[in-house]
Protein backbone atom coordinates (compact mmCIF):
# COMPACT_ATOMS: atom_id res chain seq x y z
CA MET A 1 13.62 -10.90 1.02
CA ARG A 2 12.65 -7.79 -1.56
CA VAL A 3 9.12 -6.03 -0.84
CA ALA A 4 7.12 -3.62 -2.71
CA THR A 5 4.31 -1.66 -2.80
CA TRP A 6 2.80 0.27 -5.34
CA ASN A 7 -0.47 1.64 -5.89
CA VAL A 8 -0.31 1.55 -9.77
CA ASN A 9 -3.66 3.47 -10.47
CA SER A 10 -5.06 1.18 -13.76
CA LEU A 11 -2.95 -2.03 -13.83
CA GLY A 12 -4.85 -1.99 -17.59
CA ALA A 13 -3.10 1.21 -18.59
CA ARG A 14 0.11 0.35 -16.83
CA LEU A 15 0.61 -2.99 -17.06
CA GLU A 16 3.74 -2.57 -19.60
CA ARG A 17 5.25 -0.33 -17.15
CA VAL A 18 4.68 -2.91 -14.64
CA GLU A 19 6.15 -5.62 -16.40
CA ALA A 20 9.54 -4.06 -16.96
CA TRP A 21 10.15 -2.46 -13.24
CA LEU A 22 9.35 -6.06 -12.24
CA ALA A 23 12.15 -7.33 -14.45
CA GLU A 24 14.35 -4.64 -13.38
CA VAL A 25 13.70 -4.07 -9.53
CA GLU A 26 13.14 -8.04 -9.06
CA PRO A 27 10.98 -7.80 -6.00
CA ASP A 28 10.15 -11.09 -4.07
CA VAL A 29 6.53 -9.89 -2.95
CA VAL A 30 4.55 -7.00 -4.55
CA CYS A 31 1.27 -5.74 -2.95
CA LEU A 32 -0.62 -3.90 -5.66
CA GLN A 33 -3.77 -1.23 -5.18
CA GLU A 34 -5.88 0.15 -7.29
CA THR A 35 -5.81 -2.09 -9.99
CA LYS A 36 -9.09 -0.96 -11.32
CA LEU A 37 -10.01 -4.86 -13.13
CA ALA A 38 -12.12 -7.40 -12.33
CA ASP A 39 -11.27 -10.76 -11.49
CA ASP A 40 -11.84 -12.25 -14.79
CA ALA A 41 -9.19 -9.34 -16.01
CA PHE A 42 -6.08 -9.74 -14.02
CA PRO A 43 -3.24 -10.94 -15.74
CA SER A 44 -2.46 -13.82 -13.87
CA LEU A 45 -1.13 -15.55 -16.59
CA THR A 46 1.12 -12.22 -17.64
CA PHE A 47 2.42 -12.86 -14.30
CA SER A 48 2.83 -15.93 -13.80
CA ALA A 49 5.11 -16.23 -16.84
CA LEU A 50 7.25 -13.54 -15.15
CA GLY A 51 7.74 -16.14 -11.96
CA TYR A 52 4.75 -14.62 -10.05
CA GLU A 53 2.42 -16.36 -8.23
CA SER A 54 -0.95 -13.67 -7.76
CA PHE A 55 -3.65 -13.71 -6.04
CA HIS A 56 -6.39 -10.59 -6.62
CA HIS A 57 -9.21 -8.94 -5.37
CA GLY A 58 -11.10 -6.44 -7.68
CA GLN A 59 -14.29 -4.87 -8.70
CA GLY A 60 -14.11 -3.53 -12.04
CA ARG A 61 -13.45 0.14 -12.89
CA TRP A 62 -12.64 1.22 -9.16
CA ASN A 63 -10.53 0.01 -6.10
CA GLY A 64 -8.74 -3.61 -6.57
CA VAL A 65 -5.85 -5.08 -4.47
CA ALA A 66 -3.12 -7.97 -4.98
CA VAL A 67 -0.53 -9.97 -3.85
CA LEU A 68 1.94 -11.30 -6.12
CA SER A 69 4.83 -13.93 -5.07
CA ARG A 70 8.03 -15.53 -6.30
CA VAL A 71 8.59 -17.26 -2.96
CA GLY A 72 5.13 -19.35 -3.04
CA LEU A 73 1.72 -17.70 -2.30
CA GLU A 74 -0.57 -19.55 0.42
CA ALA A 75 -3.80 -19.03 2.24
CA PRO A 76 -5.09 -16.07 0.13
CA ALA A 77 -7.93 -14.49 1.77
CA ALA A 78 -9.49 -11.34 0.63
CA GLY A 79 -11.55 -8.83 3.27
CA PHE A 80 -11.54 -8.60 7.30
CA SER A 81 -11.39 -11.48 9.44
CA PRO A 82 -12.66 -13.07 11.13
CA ASP A 83 -15.44 -13.81 8.32
CA ASP A 84 -14.13 -11.98 5.32
CA VAL A 85 -16.36 -9.49 5.58
CA VAL A 86 -15.96 -6.69 2.70
CA PRO A 87 -17.45 -3.37 3.91
CA ARG A 88 -19.81 -1.76 1.06
CA ASP A 89 -18.28 -4.57 -1.27
CA GLU A 90 -15.14 -2.32 -1.96
CA ALA A 91 -12.19 -4.95 -3.12
CA ARG A 92 -9.41 -3.22 -0.58
CA ILE A 93 -7.73 -5.96 1.38
CA VAL A 94 -5.91 -9.04 0.18
CA SER A 95 -4.01 -10.94 2.46
CA ALA A 96 -1.56 -13.80 1.13
CA THR A 97 1.57 -15.86 3.07
CA CYS A 98 4.44 -15.46 1.02
CA GLY A 99 8.12 -17.08 1.91
CA GLY A 100 6.63 -17.70 5.86
CA VAL A 101 5.61 -14.14 6.08
CA ARG A 102 1.57 -13.22 6.19
CA VAL A 103 0.87 -10.36 3.61
CA VAL A 104 -1.63 -7.70 3.57
CA SER A 105 -2.23 -5.39 0.74
CA VAL A 106 -4.19 -2.58 1.51
CA TYR A 107 -6.01 0.21 -0.14
CA VAL A 108 -7.64 2.62 2.53
CA PRO A 109 -10.32 4.92 1.22
CA ASN A 110 -9.13 8.28 0.39
CA GLY A 111 -11.98 10.22 2.67
CA ARG A 112 -12.04 13.25 0.36
CA SER A 113 -13.19 15.61 2.84
CA PRO A 114 -13.58 15.70 6.61
CA ASP A 115 -17.25 16.51 6.05
CA HIS A 116 -17.88 13.93 3.44
CA GLU A 117 -19.61 10.37 4.43
CA GLN A 118 -16.56 9.17 2.46
CA TYR A 119 -14.43 10.02 5.54
CA GLN A 120 -16.57 8.33 8.09
CA PHE A 121 -16.15 5.22 6.14
CA LYS A 122 -12.63 5.68 6.20
CA LEU A 123 -12.48 6.07 9.83
CA GLU A 124 -14.60 2.76 10.04
CA TRP A 125 -12.61 0.97 7.59
CA LEU A 126 -9.42 1.59 9.35
CA ALA A 127 -11.41 0.47 12.65
CA ALA A 128 -11.89 -2.83 10.83
CA LEU A 129 -8.26 -3.11 10.00
CA ARG A 130 -7.49 -2.80 13.58
CA GLY A 131 -9.74 -5.38 14.09
CA HIS A 132 -8.70 -7.56 11.62
CA LEU A 133 -5.30 -7.45 13.24
CA ASP A 134 -6.68 -8.47 16.35
CA ALA A 135 -8.62 -11.21 14.97
CA ALA A 136 -6.08 -12.84 12.51
CA CYS A 137 -2.62 -11.59 13.67
CA ARG A 138 0.02 -11.43 16.07
CA PRO A 139 2.39 -8.89 17.23
CA THR A 140 4.95 -11.96 17.68
CA ALA A 141 4.59 -13.61 13.98
CA ASP A 142 6.43 -12.45 10.91
CA LEU A 143 3.51 -10.28 9.23
CA LEU A 144 3.54 -6.78 6.74
CA VAL A 145 0.55 -4.38 6.04
CA CYS A 146 1.67 -2.49 2.85
CA GLY A 147 -0.34 -0.29 0.56
CA ASP A 148 -1.79 2.93 0.22
CA PHE A 149 -3.04 4.10 3.77
CA ASN A 150 -4.11 7.60 2.24
CA ILE A 151 -2.69 9.45 5.57
CA ALA A 152 0.52 10.96 5.96
CA PRO A 153 1.88 9.96 9.06
CA ASP A 154 3.20 13.14 10.29
CA ASP A 155 4.25 16.58 8.84
CA ARG A 156 7.52 15.71 7.71
CA ASP A 157 5.52 13.36 5.27
CA VAL A 158 3.70 16.27 3.56
CA TYR A 159 5.01 19.31 1.50
CA ASP A 160 3.21 22.21 3.04
CA PRO A 161 1.64 20.99 6.44
CA ALA A 162 0.04 24.86 5.98
CA LYS A 163 -1.81 24.17 2.75
CA PHE A 164 -3.42 20.48 4.25
CA VAL A 165 -5.06 22.14 7.38
CA GLY A 166 -8.80 21.03 7.63
CA SER A 167 -8.00 18.32 4.94
CA THR A 168 -7.96 14.62 4.73
CA HIS A 169 -4.73 12.58 4.67
CA VAL A 170 -3.68 14.84 8.09
CA THR A 171 -6.34 15.13 10.31
CA PRO A 172 -6.28 14.06 14.18
CA ALA A 173 -8.76 11.06 13.64
CA GLU A 174 -7.15 9.26 10.57
CA ARG A 175 -3.38 9.93 12.19
CA SER A 176 -5.06 8.53 15.69
CA ALA A 177 -6.08 5.86 13.78
CA LEU A 178 -2.95 5.18 11.99
CA ASP A 179 -1.22 5.35 15.46
CA GLY A 180 -3.65 2.84 16.72
CA LEU A 181 -2.29 0.03 13.94
CA LEU A 182 1.38 1.13 15.21
CA GLU A 183 0.68 0.69 18.92
CA TRP A 184 -0.92 -2.74 18.27
CA GLY A 185 2.89 -3.87 17.04
CA LEU A 186 3.82 -2.68 13.88
CA VAL A 187 6.78 -0.44 12.70
CA ASP A 188 6.74 1.98 9.63
CA VAL A 189 9.83 0.71 8.21
CA PHE A 190 10.86 3.18 5.61
CA ARG A 191 11.36 5.55 9.06
CA ARG A 192 13.90 3.38 9.91
CA HIS A 193 16.10 4.06 7.76
CA HIS A 194 15.19 7.90 6.92
CA ASP A 195 14.25 10.53 9.28
CA GLU A 196 14.10 13.54 7.23
CA ALA A 197 11.23 15.37 5.94
CA GLY A 198 10.44 16.04 2.16
CA LEU A 199 10.76 11.97 1.20
CA TYR A 200 7.49 11.28 -0.74
CA SER A 201 5.51 8.91 -2.26
CA TRP A 202 2.46 10.45 -4.21
CA TRP A 203 2.59 13.39 -6.15
CA ASP A 204 -0.76 15.12 -8.12
CA TYR A 205 -0.54 15.03 -11.72
CA ARG A 206 -0.86 18.55 -11.98
CA ALA A 207 0.73 21.86 -12.05
CA GLY A 208 4.10 19.80 -12.31
CA ASP A 209 3.64 18.63 -8.67
CA PHE A 210 6.20 16.01 -9.41
CA HIS A 211 9.22 17.83 -10.49
CA GLN A 212 8.55 20.65 -7.87
CA GLY A 213 8.73 18.41 -5.00
CA ARG A 214 5.39 18.91 -3.84
CA GLY A 215 4.08 15.56 -2.48
CA LEU A 216 3.14 12.93 0.20
CA ARG A 217 4.31 10.09 1.79
CA ILE A 218 1.27 8.10 1.91
CA ASP A 219 2.36 4.13 0.78
CA LEU A 220 3.54 2.42 3.77
CA VAL A 221 5.33 -1.05 5.15
CA LEU A 222 4.35 -1.80 8.62
CA ALA A 223 5.88 -4.69 9.56
CA THR A 224 5.87 -6.40 13.23
CA PRO A 225 8.94 -5.58 15.25
CA ALA A 226 11.20 -8.77 14.94
CA LEU A 227 10.33 -8.46 11.08
CA ALA A 228 11.20 -5.11 10.97
CA GLU A 229 14.32 -5.51 12.78
CA LYS A 230 15.61 -7.51 9.38
CA ALA A 231 14.98 -4.87 6.89
CA VAL A 232 18.50 -3.85 5.37
CA TRP A 233 17.28 -0.65 3.58
CA SER A 234 14.42 1.19 2.34
CA LEU A 235 13.60 3.48 -0.49
CA VAL A 236 10.86 5.44 -2.55
CA ASP A 237 11.33 4.63 -6.49
CA ARG A 238 10.80 8.00 -7.85
CA ASN A 239 11.77 6.49 -11.17
CA ALA A 240 9.26 4.70 -11.68
CA ARG A 241 7.19 7.92 -11.66
CA LYS A 242 8.64 8.93 -14.59
CA GLY A 243 8.45 8.96 -17.93
CA LYS A 244 5.74 8.03 -20.40
CA PRO A 245 3.64 6.39 -20.80
CA THR A 246 2.03 8.27 -18.37
CA PRO A 247 3.10 6.51 -15.13
CA SER A 248 0.93 5.99 -11.72
CA ASP A 249 0.81 9.46 -9.34
CA HIS A 250 2.40 6.92 -6.80
CA ALA A 251 5.59 5.57 -7.09
CA PRO A 252 6.65 1.74 -5.68
CA VAL A 253 8.25 1.82 -1.85
CA ILE A 254 10.34 -1.13 -1.75
CA VAL A 255 12.16 -2.31 1.22
CA GLU A 256 14.74 -4.79 1.73
CA PHE A 257 14.65 -7.78 4.61
CA GLY A 258 17.86 -9.97 5.35
């Protein structure tokens, strides 16, 4: 099963690119973030024509998450278990069972700056995600949590750690929250195949950061251990970050499970 996660930074603006990418890469399951669409505007018929069932939770101009699957899509849910809670009515988490694997697509709040109230919301949201795992999932089951975490797991995932001191995405509290998900029983699958620094999934649009290699690895595929063991390869599809019309500032992360 080929799984991908991609923050598309407005599906309305990138749908043509997403369609072409699906046809080329042929993933079985795709987690999308930042669709920026209301549910009634989500192009489910377009994806159906390409062979994908879909489940979307959106709110219009902001946020929005989805799961696409061509291996079945069962028991879709939005929000955190046990009561489908949606903090602040922000569409940031959906779940569905695809080909026997429970798949969770997440868009973690950015946090803005450590002294901003959105930073506290980010930590609260991550705590709620850990609670969701406790309530609805088991480390022994086949589970994927994929998405834009807005956290660089360690300094290998930051082009210049010195430039980010005191900034979000790298603070001890954020990294500790991510470590808590790993301690619960998840594995950063990409790091099973790539130990080196300098492999990023997001680059700022400004100042030619993509071409200059100034990025962050903040888009993650986390899997329970038994499922992670089945991962054959993983990569960041940098080609999807190139060309015209303007691409998303994120590139898809792809994992092949045998």
